[in-house]
Amino acid sequence: MIVSNLEVVPGKRITKHYGLVQGSSVRAKHVGRDFMAGLKNIFGGELKGYTELLQESREEAYNRMLEMAKSTGANAVLNVRFSTSSVAAGAAELFAYGTAVTLE
């Protein structure tokens, strides 16, 4: 599966367009991570627990988007984007989306 944030792949031609594919993951904060984040807010530094949480969520959303693309018969997802939003106190959604196509 070719995945690109470009609208086209140089040297390839789009032969079929399947439309929007997407994947999302909603994660809540962990009490232990909140405690460490509170300390980091006092002393400064990277919030590694949150960085890991968002990375895991991003990977899950990305993989769900690819599964949706595969189910349509696509061999590529173009113009891929990520979005993050807060859905509730202490919970965030990571959303991955793009256009499923067949490239020759």
Protein backbone atom coordinates (compact mmCIF):
# COMPACT_ATOMS: atom_id res chain seq x y z
CA MET A 1 0.00 0.00 0.00
CA ILE A 2 1.44 3.35 -1.04
CA VAL A 3 0.67 6.13 1.44
CA SER A 4 1.48 9.75 0.67
CA ASN A 5 0.59 13.21 1.85
CA LEU A 6 0.78 14.34 -1.81
CA GLU A 7 -2.25 14.42 -4.12
CA VAL A 8 -0.36 12.44 -6.76
CA VAL A 9 2.53 10.01 -6.88
CA PRO A 10 5.15 11.07 -9.42
CA GLY A 11 5.37 8.54 -12.26
CA LYS A 12 2.07 6.86 -11.31
CA ARG A 13 -1.39 7.38 -12.77
CA ILE A 14 -4.64 7.14 -10.79
CA THR A 15 -6.89 4.63 -12.50
CA LYS A 16 -9.68 4.40 -9.92
CA HIS A 17 -10.93 6.68 -7.17
CA TYR A 18 -12.66 5.12 -4.13
CA GLY A 19 -13.15 8.23 -2.01
CA LEU A 20 -12.43 9.15 1.55
CA VAL A 21 -11.02 6.57 3.96
CA GLN A 22 -10.53 7.24 7.63
CA GLY A 23 -9.49 5.83 10.94
CA SER A 24 -9.71 7.18 14.45
CA SER A 25 -8.68 6.37 17.98
CA VAL A 26 -9.91 7.98 21.17
CA ARG A 27 -7.67 7.68 24.21
CA ALA A 28 -8.04 8.84 27.79
CA LYS A 29 -5.28 10.03 30.07
CA HIS A 30 -3.85 7.66 32.67
CA VAL A 31 -3.69 8.71 36.34
CA GLY A 32 0.01 7.83 36.57
CA ARG A 33 0.75 9.86 33.45
CA ASP A 34 -1.22 12.78 34.88
CA PHE A 35 0.89 12.72 38.04
CA MET A 36 4.14 12.75 36.06
CA ALA A 37 2.79 15.47 33.77
CA GLY A 38 2.02 17.58 36.84
CA LEU A 39 5.64 17.25 37.96
CA LYS A 40 6.89 18.14 34.49
CA ASN A 41 4.72 21.25 34.53
CA ILE A 42 6.61 22.36 37.64
CA PHE A 43 10.13 21.39 36.54
CA GLY A 44 9.76 21.48 32.74
CA GLY A 45 10.58 18.86 30.12
CA GLU A 46 8.89 16.54 27.65
CA LEU A 47 5.72 14.78 28.75
CA LYS A 48 6.90 11.37 27.57
CA GLY A 49 3.80 9.55 28.80
CA TYR A 50 1.58 11.76 26.66
CA THR A 51 3.97 11.54 23.73
CA GLU A 52 3.73 7.74 23.86
CA LEU A 53 -0.06 7.88 24.26
CA LEU A 54 -0.46 10.08 21.18
CA GLN A 55 1.99 7.98 19.15
CA GLU A 56 0.05 4.79 19.95
CA SER A 57 -3.21 6.50 19.07
CA ARG A 58 -1.77 7.89 15.81
CA GLU A 59 -0.57 4.42 14.77
CA GLU A 60 -3.96 2.89 15.58
CA ALA A 61 -5.84 5.55 13.59
CA TYR A 62 -3.39 5.16 10.67
CA ASN A 63 -3.78 1.36 10.64
CA ARG A 64 -7.58 1.64 10.74
CA MET A 65 -7.46 4.02 7.77
CA LEU A 66 -5.31 1.53 5.84
CA GLU A 67 -7.69 -1.33 6.65
CA MET A 68 -10.60 0.70 5.30
CA ALA A 69 -8.60 1.44 2.13
CA LYS A 70 -7.74 -2.26 1.67
CA SER A 71 -11.40 -3.20 2.05
CA THR A 72 -12.28 -0.97 -0.92
CA GLY A 73 -9.65 -2.59 -3.14
CA ALA A 74 -7.34 0.43 -3.19
CA ASN A 75 -3.58 0.06 -3.48
CA ALA A 76 -2.78 3.61 -2.31
CA VAL A 77 -4.00 6.34 0.00
CA LEU A 78 -3.16 9.87 -1.09
CA ASN A 79 -3.40 13.31 0.50
CA VAL A 80 -3.16 11.77 4.00
CA ARG A 81 -3.76 14.08 6.93
CA PHE A 82 -3.94 13.77 10.71
CA SER A 83 -6.18 15.71 13.06
CA THR A 84 -6.45 15.81 16.84
CA SER A 85 -9.37 16.98 18.92
CA SER A 86 -10.50 16.89 22.51
CA VAL A 87 -13.70 14.87 22.91
CA ALA A 88 -14.10 15.02 26.69
CA ALA A 89 -12.17 16.09 29.76
CA GLY A 90 -9.01 14.00 29.69
CA ALA A 91 -9.72 12.28 26.35
CA ALA A 92 -8.51 13.05 22.84
CA GLU A 93 -9.26 11.70 19.39
CA LEU A 94 -6.63 11.19 16.73
CA PHE A 95 -8.09 11.05 13.26
CA ALA A 96 -6.29 9.94 10.08
CA TYR A 97 -7.86 10.40 6.66
CA GLY A 98 -7.02 10.39 2.99
CA THR A 99 -8.23 9.44 -0.48
CA ALA A 100 -8.21 5.78 -1.48
CA VAL A 101 -7.17 5.14 -5.08
CA THR A 102 -5.75 2.54 -7.40
CA LEU A 103 -2.47 3.47 -9.02
CA GLU A 104 -1.14 1.78 -12.15
